[in-house]
Amino acid sequence: MTADRSEGNPCALCARSLPLTFHHLIPRKNHRRSSFRRRFDITDMRSRGTWLCHDCHRAIHRLHDERTLGLRLNTLEALQADPAVQRHVSWAARQRRRPS
């Protein structure tokens, strides 16, 4: 995990300042699959990720299965461009900010 988790950083999707969790852009469930090992280096699979608030992290995994996340939505830009994720982010940004 090469991302910086210093206090005060906002969620990479909704920009709320909440406690963050590390989201593997290529889900760990896929790391052993040969189709993913052919496409991605194991170090890249383990370190490629972003810091998200719990609400956004949970929503991403509720909206898409691990295979789709690993193959299609494996960059922050791809997540931000996904219509279902955009709907969640729009909703999340309107929510009251809970204290950290």
PDB file of N, CA and C in Angstrom:
ATOM      1  N   MET A   1       0.835  -1.166   0.000  1.00  0.00           N
ATOM      2  CA  MET A   1       0.000   0.000   0.000  1.00  0.00           C
ATOM      3  C   MET A   1       0.887   1.239   0.000  1.00  0.00           C
ATOM      4  N   THR A   2       1.018   1.851  -1.125  1.00  0.00           N
ATOM      5  CA  THR A   2       1.890   3.006  -1.240  1.00  0.00           C
ATOM      6  C   THR A   2       1.165   4.321  -1.018  1.00  0.00           C
ATOM      7  N   ALA A   3      -0.139   4.285  -0.898  1.00  0.00           N
ATOM      8  CA  ALA A   3      -0.898   5.528  -0.721  1.00  0.00           C
ATOM      9  C   ALA A   3      -0.669   6.093   0.677  1.00  0.00           C
ATOM     10  N   ASP A   4      -0.767   7.400   0.810  1.00  0.00           N
ATOM     11  CA  ASP A   4      -0.577   8.079   2.082  1.00  0.00           C
ATOM     12  C   ASP A   4      -1.913   8.175   2.801  1.00  0.00           C
ATOM     13  N   ARG A   5      -1.934   7.755   4.050  1.00  0.00           N
ATOM     14  CA  ARG A   5      -3.175   7.779   4.822  1.00  0.00           C
ATOM     15  C   ARG A   5      -3.106   8.819   5.938  1.00  0.00           C
ATOM     16  N   SER A   6      -2.374   9.874   5.754  1.00  0.00           N
ATOM     17  CA  SER A   6      -2.230  10.865   6.819  1.00  0.00           C
ATOM     18  C   SER A   6      -3.592  11.434   7.198  1.00  0.00           C
ATOM     19  N   GLU A   7      -3.714  11.789   8.466  1.00  0.00           N
ATOM     20  CA  GLU A   7      -4.976  12.322   8.980  1.00  0.00           C
ATOM     21  C   GLU A   7      -5.373  13.574   8.210  1.00  0.00           C
ATOM     22  N   GLY A   8      -6.650  13.725   8.003  1.00  0.00           N
ATOM     23  CA  GLY A   8      -7.146  14.923   7.344  1.00  0.00           C
ATOM     24  C   GLY A   8      -7.301  14.807   5.845  1.00  0.00           C
ATOM     25  N   ASN A   9      -6.781  13.740   5.247  1.00  0.00           N
ATOM     26  CA  ASN A   9      -6.973  13.559   3.807  1.00  0.00           C
ATOM     27  C   ASN A   9      -8.424  13.183   3.552  1.00  0.00           C
ATOM     28  N   PRO A  10      -9.033  13.743   2.522  1.00  0.00           N
ATOM     29  CA  PRO A  10     -10.427  13.409   2.214  1.00  0.00           C
ATOM     30  C   PRO A  10     -10.534  12.102   1.423  1.00  0.00           C
ATOM     31  N   CYS A  11     -11.720  11.564   1.386  1.00  0.00           N
ATOM     32  CA  CYS A  11     -12.021  10.390   0.562  1.00  0.00           C
ATOM     33  C   CYS A  11     -11.737  10.739  -0.900  1.00  0.00           C
ATOM     34  N   ALA A  12     -11.134   9.814  -1.622  1.00  0.00           N
ATOM     35  CA  ALA A  12     -10.772  10.053  -3.022  1.00  0.00           C
ATOM     36  C   ALA A  12     -11.996  10.176  -3.928  1.00  0.00           C
ATOM     37  N   LEU A  13     -13.157   9.717  -3.476  1.00  0.00           N
ATOM     38  CA  LEU A  13     -14.361   9.810  -4.306  1.00  0.00           C
ATOM     39  C   LEU A  13     -15.277  10.955  -3.885  1.00  0.00           C
ATOM     40  N   CYS A  14     -15.704  10.959  -2.635  1.00  0.00           N
ATOM     41  CA  CYS A  14     -16.707  11.950  -2.212  1.00  0.00           C
ATOM     42  C   CYS A  14     -16.090  13.197  -1.591  1.00  0.00           C
ATOM     43  N   ALA A  15     -14.800  13.172  -1.323  1.00  0.00           N
ATOM     44  CA  ALA A  15     -14.049  14.311  -0.764  1.00  0.00           C
ATOM     45  C   ALA A  15     -14.459  14.673   0.659  1.00  0.00           C
ATOM     46  N   ARG A  16     -15.176  13.767   1.351  1.00  0.00           N
ATOM     47  CA  ARG A  16     -15.504  14.028   2.750  1.00  0.00           C
ATOM     48  C   ARG A  16     -14.310  13.656   3.618  1.00  0.00           C
ATOM     49  N   SER A  17     -14.114  14.400   4.695  1.00  0.00           N
ATOM     50  CA  SER A  17     -13.018  14.121   5.627  1.00  0.00           C
ATOM     51  C   SER A  17     -13.527  13.178   6.707  1.00  0.00           C
ATOM     52  N   LEU A  18     -13.430  11.903   6.427  1.00  0.00           N
ATOM     53  CA  LEU A  18     -13.867  10.846   7.335  1.00  0.00           C
ATOM     54  C   LEU A  18     -12.723   9.855   7.479  1.00  0.00           C
ATOM     55  N   PRO A  19     -12.782   8.956   8.468  1.00  0.00           N
ATOM     56  CA  PRO A  19     -11.760   7.905   8.537  1.00  0.00           C
ATOM     57  C   PRO A  19     -11.749   7.113   7.226  1.00  0.00           C
ATOM     58  N   LEU A  20     -10.555   6.772   6.759  1.00  0.00           N
ATOM     59  CA  LEU A  20     -10.407   6.138   5.450  1.00  0.00           C
ATOM     60  C   LEU A  20      -9.981   4.686   5.548  1.00  0.00           C
ATOM     61  N   THR A  21     -10.362   3.916   4.539  1.00  0.00           N
ATOM     62  CA  THR A  21      -9.919   2.530   4.391  1.00  0.00           C
ATOM     63  C   THR A  21      -9.282   2.391   3.016  1.00  0.00           C
ATOM     64  N   PHE A  22      -8.341   1.449   2.895  1.00  0.00           N
ATOM     65  CA  PHE A  22      -7.638   1.264   1.625  1.00  0.00           C
ATOM     66  C   PHE A  22      -8.456   0.356   0.721  1.00  0.00           C
ATOM     67  N   HIS A  23      -8.764   0.842  -0.470  1.00  0.00           N
ATOM     68  CA  HIS A  23      -9.494   0.052  -1.465  1.00  0.00           C
ATOM     69  C   HIS A  23      -8.500  -0.447  -2.499  1.00  0.00           C
ATOM     70  N   HIS A  24      -8.348  -1.768  -2.608  1.00  0.00           N
ATOM     71  CA  HIS A  24      -7.506  -2.352  -3.650  1.00  0.00           C
ATOM     72  C   HIS A  24      -8.249  -2.215  -4.974  1.00  0.00           C
ATOM     73  N   LEU A  25      -7.668  -1.495  -5.915  1.00  0.00           N
ATOM     74  CA  LEU A  25      -8.325  -1.299  -7.209  1.00  0.00           C
ATOM     75  C   LEU A  25      -8.428  -2.604  -7.984  1.00  0.00           C
ATOM     76  N   ILE A  26      -7.533  -3.539  -7.704  1.00  0.00           N
ATOM     77  CA  ILE A  26      -7.662  -4.908  -8.202  1.00  0.00           C
ATOM     78  C   ILE A  26      -7.912  -5.747  -6.949  1.00  0.00           C
ATOM     79  N   PRO A  27      -9.156  -6.139  -6.688  1.00  0.00           N
ATOM     80  CA  PRO A  27      -9.497  -6.816  -5.442  1.00  0.00           C
ATOM     81  C   PRO A  27      -8.602  -8.023  -5.150  1.00  0.00           C
ATOM     82  N   ARG A  28      -8.282  -8.192  -3.868  1.00  0.00           N
ATOM     83  CA  ARG A  28      -7.383  -9.277  -3.450  1.00  0.00           C
ATOM     84  C   ARG A  28      -7.901 -10.648  -3.865  1.00  0.00           C
ATOM     85  N   LYS A  29      -9.198 -10.797  -3.959  1.00  0.00           N
ATOM     86  CA  LYS A  29      -9.782 -12.073  -4.386  1.00  0.00           C
ATOM     87  C   LYS A  29      -9.267 -12.488  -5.769  1.00  0.00           C
ATOM     88  N   ASN A  30      -8.900 -11.511  -6.594  1.00  0.00           N
ATOM     89  CA  ASN A  30      -8.432 -11.784  -7.956  1.00  0.00           C
ATOM     90  C   ASN A  30      -6.929 -12.015  -8.062  1.00  0.00           C
ATOM     91  N   HIS A  31      -6.174 -11.746  -7.025  1.00  0.00           N
ATOM     92  CA  HIS A  31      -4.716 -11.803  -7.108  1.00  0.00           C
ATOM     93  C   HIS A  31      -4.176 -13.184  -7.475  1.00  0.00           C
ATOM     94  N   ARG A  32      -4.865 -14.228  -7.125  1.00  0.00           N
ATOM     95  CA  ARG A  32      -4.390 -15.591  -7.438  1.00  0.00           C
ATOM     96  C   ARG A  32      -4.876 -16.103  -8.788  1.00  0.00           C
ATOM     97  N   ARG A  33      -5.808 -15.432  -9.381  1.00  0.00           N
ATOM     98  CA  ARG A  33      -6.358 -15.891 -10.665  1.00  0.00           C
ATOM     99  C   ARG A  33      -5.345 -15.677 -11.780  1.00  0.00           C
ATOM    100  N   SER A  34      -5.156 -16.715 -12.592  1.00  0.00           N
ATOM    101  CA  SER A  34      -4.143 -16.647 -13.651  1.00  0.00           C
ATOM    102  C   SER A  34      -4.455 -15.559 -14.676  1.00  0.00           C
ATOM    103  N   SER A  35      -5.726 -15.309 -14.945  1.00  0.00           N
ATOM    104  CA  SER A  35      -6.065 -14.262 -15.917  1.00  0.00           C
ATOM    105  C   SER A  35      -5.603 -12.886 -15.437  1.00  0.00           C
ATOM    106  N   PHE A  36      -5.620 -12.665 -14.139  1.00  0.00           N
ATOM    107  CA  PHE A  36      -5.145 -11.394 -13.593  1.00  0.00           C
ATOM    108  C   PHE A  36      -3.623 -11.381 -13.514  1.00  0.00           C
ATOM    109  N   ARG A  37      -3.017 -12.521 -13.186  1.00  0.00           N
ATOM    110  CA  ARG A  37      -1.551 -12.590 -13.112  1.00  0.00           C
ATOM    111  C   ARG A  37      -0.909 -12.361 -14.473  1.00  0.00           C
ATOM    112  N   ARG A  38      -1.606 -12.732 -15.535  1.00  0.00           N
ATOM    113  CA  ARG A  38      -1.072 -12.473 -16.881  1.00  0.00           C
ATOM    114  C   ARG A  38      -1.145 -10.983 -17.224  1.00  0.00           C
ATOM    115  N   ARG A  39      -2.158 -10.310 -16.734  1.00  0.00           N
ATOM    116  CA  ARG A  39      -2.361  -8.894 -17.057  1.00  0.00           C
ATOM    117  C   ARG A  39      -1.586  -7.938 -16.152  1.00  0.00           C
ATOM    118  N   PHE A  40      -1.441  -8.309 -14.880  1.00  0.00           N
ATOM    119  CA  PHE A  40      -0.870  -7.395 -13.895  1.00  0.00           C
ATOM    120  C   PHE A  40       0.255  -8.062 -13.124  1.00  0.00           C
ATOM    121  N   ASP A  41       1.250  -7.285 -12.768  1.00  0.00           N
ATOM    122  CA  ASP A  41       2.330  -7.731 -11.896  1.00  0.00           C
ATOM    123  C   ASP A  41       1.771  -7.853 -10.474  1.00  0.00           C
ATOM    124  N   ILE A  42       2.214  -8.859  -9.709  1.00  0.00           N
ATOM    125  CA  ILE A  42       1.673  -9.087  -8.365  1.00  0.00           C
ATOM    126  C   ILE A  42       1.911  -7.878  -7.459  1.00  0.00           C
ATOM    127  N   THR A  43       3.062  -7.231  -7.605  1.00  0.00           N
ATOM    128  CA  THR A  43       3.349  -6.038  -6.800  1.00  0.00           C
ATOM    129  C   THR A  43       2.375  -4.920  -7.145  1.00  0.00           C
ATOM    130  N   ASP A  44       2.088  -4.768  -8.415  1.00  0.00           N
ATOM    131  CA  ASP A  44       1.130  -3.757  -8.858  1.00  0.00           C
ATOM    132  C   ASP A  44      -0.260  -4.064  -8.307  1.00  0.00           C
ATOM    133  N   MET A  45      -0.659  -5.330  -8.348  1.00  0.00           N
ATOM    134  CA  MET A  45      -1.984  -5.700  -7.841  1.00  0.00           C
ATOM    135  C   MET A  45      -2.105  -5.388  -6.355  1.00  0.00           C
ATOM    136  N   ARG A  46      -1.039  -5.655  -5.605  1.00  0.00           N
ATOM    137  CA  ARG A  46      -1.092  -5.436  -4.156  1.00  0.00           C
ATOM    138  C   ARG A  46      -1.064  -3.963  -3.780  1.00  0.00           C
ATOM    139  N   SER A  47      -0.354  -3.161  -4.554  1.00  0.00           N
ATOM    140  CA  SER A  47      -0.172  -1.761  -4.163  1.00  0.00           C
ATOM    141  C   SER A  47      -1.141  -0.795  -4.845  1.00  0.00           C
ATOM    142  N   ARG A  48      -1.742  -1.198  -5.942  1.00  0.00           N
ATOM    143  CA  ARG A  48      -2.643  -0.291  -6.660  1.00  0.00           C
ATOM    144  C   ARG A  48      -3.923  -0.129  -5.856  1.00  0.00           C
ATOM    145  N   GLY A  49      -4.133   1.071  -5.374  1.00  0.00           N
ATOM    146  CA  GLY A  49      -5.321   1.313  -4.577  1.00  0.00           C
ATOM    147  C   GLY A  49      -5.499   2.774  -4.262  1.00  0.00           C
ATOM    148  N   THR A  50      -6.533   3.052  -3.516  1.00  0.00           N
ATOM    149  CA  THR A  50      -6.843   4.424  -3.129  1.00  0.00           C
ATOM    150  C   THR A  50      -7.537   4.403  -1.772  1.00  0.00           C
ATOM    151  N   TRP A  51      -7.492   5.523  -1.084  1.00  0.00           N
ATOM    152  CA  TRP A  51      -8.115   5.636   0.232  1.00  0.00           C
ATOM    153  C   TRP A  51      -9.532   6.182   0.089  1.00  0.00           C
ATOM    154  N   LEU A  52     -10.484   5.423   0.645  1.00  0.00           N
ATOM    155  CA  LEU A  52     -11.904   5.786   0.558  1.00  0.00           C
ATOM    156  C   LEU A  52     -12.531   5.776   1.942  1.00  0.00           C
ATOM    157  N   CYS A  53     -13.573   6.574   2.112  1.00  0.00           N
ATOM    158  CA  CYS A  53     -14.348   6.489   3.350  1.00  0.00           C
ATOM    159  C   CYS A  53     -15.110   5.158   3.333  1.00  0.00           C
ATOM    160  N   HIS A  54     -15.570   4.761   4.494  1.00  0.00           N
ATOM    161  CA  HIS A  54     -16.264   3.478   4.614  1.00  0.00           C
ATOM    162  C   HIS A  54     -17.504   3.420   3.719  1.00  0.00           C
ATOM    163  N   ASP A  55     -18.260   4.509   3.662  1.00  0.00           N
ATOM    164  CA  ASP A  55     -19.482   4.528   2.845  1.00  0.00           C
ATOM    165  C   ASP A  55     -19.180   4.286   1.368  1.00  0.00           C
ATOM    166  N   CYS A  56     -18.181   4.982   0.831  1.00  0.00           N
ATOM    167  CA  CYS A  56     -17.831   4.817  -0.588  1.00  0.00           C
ATOM    168  C   CYS A  56     -17.250   3.432  -0.847  1.00  0.00           C
ATOM    169  N   HIS A  57     -16.410   2.949   0.069  1.00  0.00           N
ATOM    170  CA  HIS A  57     -15.802   1.630  -0.100  1.00  0.00           C
ATOM    171  C   HIS A  57     -16.887   0.552  -0.141  1.00  0.00           C
ATOM    172  N   ARG A  58     -17.806   0.633   0.807  1.00  0.00           N
ATOM    173  CA  ARG A  58     -18.895  -0.351   0.860  1.00  0.00           C
ATOM    174  C   ARG A  58     -19.773  -0.263  -0.389  1.00  0.00           C
ATOM    175  N   ALA A  59     -20.050   0.945  -0.847  1.00  0.00           N
ATOM    176  CA  ALA A  59     -20.902   1.132  -2.027  1.00  0.00           C
ATOM    177  C   ALA A  59     -20.266   0.531  -3.273  1.00  0.00           C
ATOM    178  N   ILE A  60     -18.980   0.727  -3.459  1.00  0.00           N
ATOM    179  CA  ILE A  60     -18.293   0.185  -4.639  1.00  0.00           C
ATOM    180  C   ILE A  60     -18.431  -1.330  -4.686  1.00  0.00           C
ATOM    181  N   HIS A  61     -18.228  -1.985  -3.542  1.00  0.00           N
ATOM    182  CA  HIS A  61     -18.322  -3.446  -3.516  1.00  0.00           C
ATOM    183  C   HIS A  61     -19.769  -3.927  -3.609  1.00  0.00           C
ATOM    184  N   ARG A  62     -20.705  -3.092  -3.227  1.00  0.00           N
ATOM    185  CA  ARG A  62     -22.117  -3.445  -3.373  1.00  0.00           C
ATOM    186  C   ARG A  62     -22.570  -3.269  -4.823  1.00  0.00           C
ATOM    187  N   LEU A  63     -22.011  -2.281  -5.511  1.00  0.00           N
ATOM    188  CA  LEU A  63     -22.418  -1.972  -6.883  1.00  0.00           C
ATOM    189  C   LEU A  63     -21.804  -2.896  -7.930  1.00  0.00           C
ATOM    190  N   HIS A  64     -20.578  -3.377  -7.689  1.00  0.00           N
ATOM    191  CA  HIS A  64     -19.857  -4.151  -8.709  1.00  0.00           C
ATOM    192  C   HIS A  64     -19.193  -5.381  -8.097  1.00  0.00           C
ATOM    193  N   ASP A  65     -19.151  -6.465  -8.860  1.00  0.00           N
ATOM    194  CA  ASP A  65     -18.458  -7.662  -8.386  1.00  0.00           C
ATOM    195  C   ASP A  65     -16.944  -7.481  -8.542  1.00  0.00           C
ATOM    196  N   GLU A  66     -16.177  -8.376  -7.899  1.00  0.00           N
ATOM    197  CA  GLU A  66     -14.717  -8.261  -7.889  1.00  0.00           C
ATOM    198  C   GLU A  66     -14.106  -8.350  -9.282  1.00  0.00           C
ATOM    199  N   ARG A  67     -14.663  -9.176 -10.126  1.00  0.00           N
ATOM    200  CA  ARG A  67     -14.118  -9.325 -11.487  1.00  0.00           C
ATOM    201  C   ARG A  67     -14.259  -8.018 -12.276  1.00  0.00           C
ATOM    202  N   THR A  68     -15.424  -7.396 -12.198  1.00  0.00           N
ATOM    203  CA  THR A  68     -15.644  -6.121 -12.879  1.00  0.00           C
ATOM    204  C   THR A  68     -14.720  -5.044 -12.324  1.00  0.00           C
ATOM    205  N   LEU A  69     -14.580  -5.009 -11.009  1.00  0.00           N
ATOM    206  CA  LEU A  69     -13.685  -4.029 -10.399  1.00  0.00           C
ATOM    207  C   LEU A  69     -12.254  -4.219 -10.885  1.00  0.00           C
ATOM    208  N   GLY A  70     -11.793  -5.462 -10.951  1.00  0.00           N
ATOM    209  CA  GLY A  70     -10.418  -5.734 -11.347  1.00  0.00           C
ATOM    210  C   GLY A  70     -10.138  -5.526 -12.822  1.00  0.00           C
ATOM    211  N   LEU A  71     -11.112  -5.811 -13.667  1.00  0.00           N
ATOM    212  CA  LEU A  71     -10.886  -5.709 -15.114  1.00  0.00           C
ATOM    213  C   LEU A  71     -11.242  -4.340 -15.689  1.00  0.00           C
ATOM    214  N   ARG A  72     -12.361  -3.770 -15.232  1.00  0.00           N
ATOM    215  CA  ARG A  72     -12.849  -2.532 -15.844  1.00  0.00           C
ATOM    216  C   ARG A  72     -12.621  -1.294 -14.991  1.00  0.00           C
ATOM    217  N   LEU A  73     -12.733  -1.453 -13.694  1.00  0.00           N
ATOM    218  CA  LEU A  73     -12.690  -0.295 -12.797  1.00  0.00           C
ATOM    219  C   LEU A  73     -11.434  -0.326 -11.930  1.00  0.00           C
ATOM    220  N   ASN A  74     -10.283  -0.538 -12.560  1.00  0.00           N
ATOM    221  CA  ASN A  74      -9.046  -0.720 -11.801  1.00  0.00           C
ATOM    222  C   ASN A  74      -8.175   0.530 -11.723  1.00  0.00           C
ATOM    223  N   THR A  75      -8.766   1.690 -11.976  1.00  0.00           N
ATOM    224  CA  THR A  75      -8.091   2.972 -11.747  1.00  0.00           C
ATOM    225  C   THR A  75      -9.084   3.905 -11.064  1.00  0.00           C
ATOM    226  N   LEU A  76      -8.562   4.890 -10.372  1.00  0.00           N
ATOM    227  CA  LEU A  76      -9.436   5.864  -9.724  1.00  0.00           C
ATOM    228  C   LEU A  76     -10.269   6.608 -10.764  1.00  0.00           C
ATOM    229  N   GLU A  77      -9.664   6.905 -11.902  1.00  0.00           N
ATOM    230  CA  GLU A  77     -10.375   7.613 -12.966  1.00  0.00           C
ATOM    231  C   GLU A  77     -11.545   6.784 -13.498  1.00  0.00           C
ATOM    232  N   ALA A  78     -11.344   5.483 -13.646  1.00  0.00           N
ATOM    233  CA  ALA A  78     -12.421   4.606 -14.123  1.00  0.00           C
ATOM    234  C   ALA A  78     -13.558   4.546 -13.103  1.00  0.00           C
ATOM    235  N   LEU A  79     -13.216   4.481 -11.815  1.00  0.00           N
ATOM    236  CA  LEU A  79     -14.252   4.492 -10.779  1.00  0.00           C
ATOM    237  C   LEU A  79     -15.044   5.797 -10.823  1.00  0.00           C
ATOM    238  N   GLN A  80     -14.337   6.910 -10.936  1.00  0.00           N
ATOM    239  CA  GLN A  80     -15.000   8.209 -10.952  1.00  0.00           C
ATOM    240  C   GLN A  80     -15.896   8.384 -12.176  1.00  0.00           C
ATOM    241  N   ALA A  81     -15.578   7.721 -13.267  1.00  0.00           N
ATOM    242  CA  ALA A  81     -16.358   7.848 -14.503  1.00  0.00           C
ATOM    243  C   ALA A  81     -17.557   6.906 -14.548  1.00  0.00           C
ATOM    244  N   ASP A  82     -17.607   5.916 -13.664  1.00  0.00           N
ATOM    245  CA  ASP A  82     -18.693   4.933 -13.671  1.00  0.00           C
ATOM    246  C   ASP A  82     -20.004   5.583 -13.205  1.00  0.00           C
ATOM    247  N   PRO A  83     -21.080   5.461 -13.996  1.00  0.00           N
ATOM    248  CA  PRO A  83     -22.356   6.107 -13.638  1.00  0.00           C
ATOM    249  C   PRO A  83     -22.913   5.686 -12.273  1.00  0.00           C
ATOM    250  N   ALA A  84     -22.818   4.424 -11.922  1.00  0.00           N
ATOM    251  CA  ALA A  84     -23.342   3.967 -10.628  1.00  0.00           C
ATOM    252  C   ALA A  84     -22.542   4.576  -9.480  1.00  0.00           C
ATOM    253  N   VAL A  85     -21.238   4.638  -9.634  1.00  0.00           N
ATOM    254  CA  VAL A  85     -20.386   5.247  -8.606  1.00  0.00           C
ATOM    255  C   VAL A  85     -20.664   6.748  -8.538  1.00  0.00           C
ATOM    256  N   GLN A  86     -20.863   7.386  -9.673  1.00  0.00           N
ATOM    257  CA  GLN A  86     -21.178   8.820  -9.689  1.00  0.00           C
ATOM    258  C   GLN A  86     -22.468   9.110  -8.919  1.00  0.00           C
ATOM    259  N   ARG A  87     -23.471   8.246  -9.073  1.00  0.00           N
ATOM    260  CA  ARG A  87     -24.727   8.428  -8.327  1.00  0.00           C
ATOM    261  C   ARG A  87     -24.473   8.335  -6.825  1.00  0.00           C
ATOM    262  N   HIS A  88     -23.660   7.351  -6.422  1.00  0.00           N
ATOM    263  CA  HIS A  88     -23.349   7.212  -4.997  1.00  0.00           C
ATOM    264  C   HIS A  88     -22.593   8.444  -4.489  1.00  0.00           C
ATOM    265  N   VAL A  89     -21.587   8.885  -5.236  1.00  0.00           N
ATOM    266  CA  VAL A  89     -20.776  10.035  -4.820  1.00  0.00           C
ATOM    267  C   VAL A  89     -21.647  11.282  -4.699  1.00  0.00           C
ATOM    268  N   SER A  90     -22.564  11.464  -5.620  1.00  0.00           N
ATOM    269  CA  SER A  90     -23.480  12.599  -5.565  1.00  0.00           C
ATOM    270  C   SER A  90     -24.307  12.547  -4.282  1.00  0.00           C
ATOM    271  N   TRP A  91     -24.793  11.368  -3.934  1.00  0.00           N
ATOM    272  CA  TRP A  91     -25.551  11.187  -2.698  1.00  0.00           C
ATOM    273  C   TRP A  91     -24.658  11.419  -1.480  1.00  0.00           C
ATOM    274  N   ALA A  92     -23.475  10.807  -1.473  1.00  0.00           N
ATOM    275  CA  ALA A  92     -22.573  10.883  -0.321  1.00  0.00           C
ATOM    276  C   ALA A  92     -22.121  12.315  -0.050  1.00  0.00           C
ATOM    277  N   ALA A  93     -21.872  13.069  -1.091  1.00  0.00           N
ATOM    278  CA  ALA A  93     -21.403  14.445  -0.920  1.00  0.00           C
ATOM    279  C   ALA A  93     -22.458  15.324  -0.246  1.00  0.00           C
ATOM    280  N   ARG A  94     -23.719  14.949  -0.334  1.00  0.00           N
ATOM    281  CA  ARG A  94     -24.803  15.720   0.298  1.00  0.00           C
ATOM    282  C   ARG A  94     -25.043  15.314   1.749  1.00  0.00           C
ATOM    283  N   GLN A  95     -24.405  14.243   2.199  1.00  0.00           N
ATOM    284  CA  GLN A  95     -24.625  13.755   3.556  1.00  0.00           C
ATOM    285  C   GLN A  95     -23.865  14.611   4.560  1.00  0.00           C
ATOM    286  N   ARG A  96     -24.379  14.628   5.758  1.00  0.00           N
ATOM    287  CA  ARG A  96     -23.735  15.354   6.839  1.00  0.00           C
ATOM    288  C   ARG A  96     -22.379  14.732   7.115  1.00  0.00           C
ATOM    289  N   ARG A  97     -21.407  15.555   7.364  1.00  0.00           N
ATOM    290  CA  ARG A  97     -20.057  15.056   7.658  1.00  0.00           C
ATOM    291  C   ARG A  97     -20.002  14.644   9.118  1.00  0.00           C
ATOM    292  N   ARG A  98     -19.671  13.387   9.325  1.00  0.00           N
ATOM    293  CA  ARG A  98     -19.529  12.892  10.688  1.00  0.00           C
ATOM    294  C   ARG A  98     -18.150  13.286  11.211  1.00  0.00           C
ATOM    295  N   PRO A  99     -18.016  13.529  12.502  1.00  0.00           N
ATOM    296  CA  PRO A  99     -16.697  13.870  13.036  1.00  0.00           C
ATOM    297  C   PRO A  99     -15.748  12.686  12.914  1.00  0.00           C
ATOM    298  N   SER A 100     -14.476  12.975  12.663  1.00  0.00           N
ATOM    299  CA  SER A 100     -13.456  11.922  12.512  1.00  0.00           C
ATOM    300  C   SER A 100     -13.091  11.324  13.841  1.00  0.00           C
TER     301      SER A 100
END
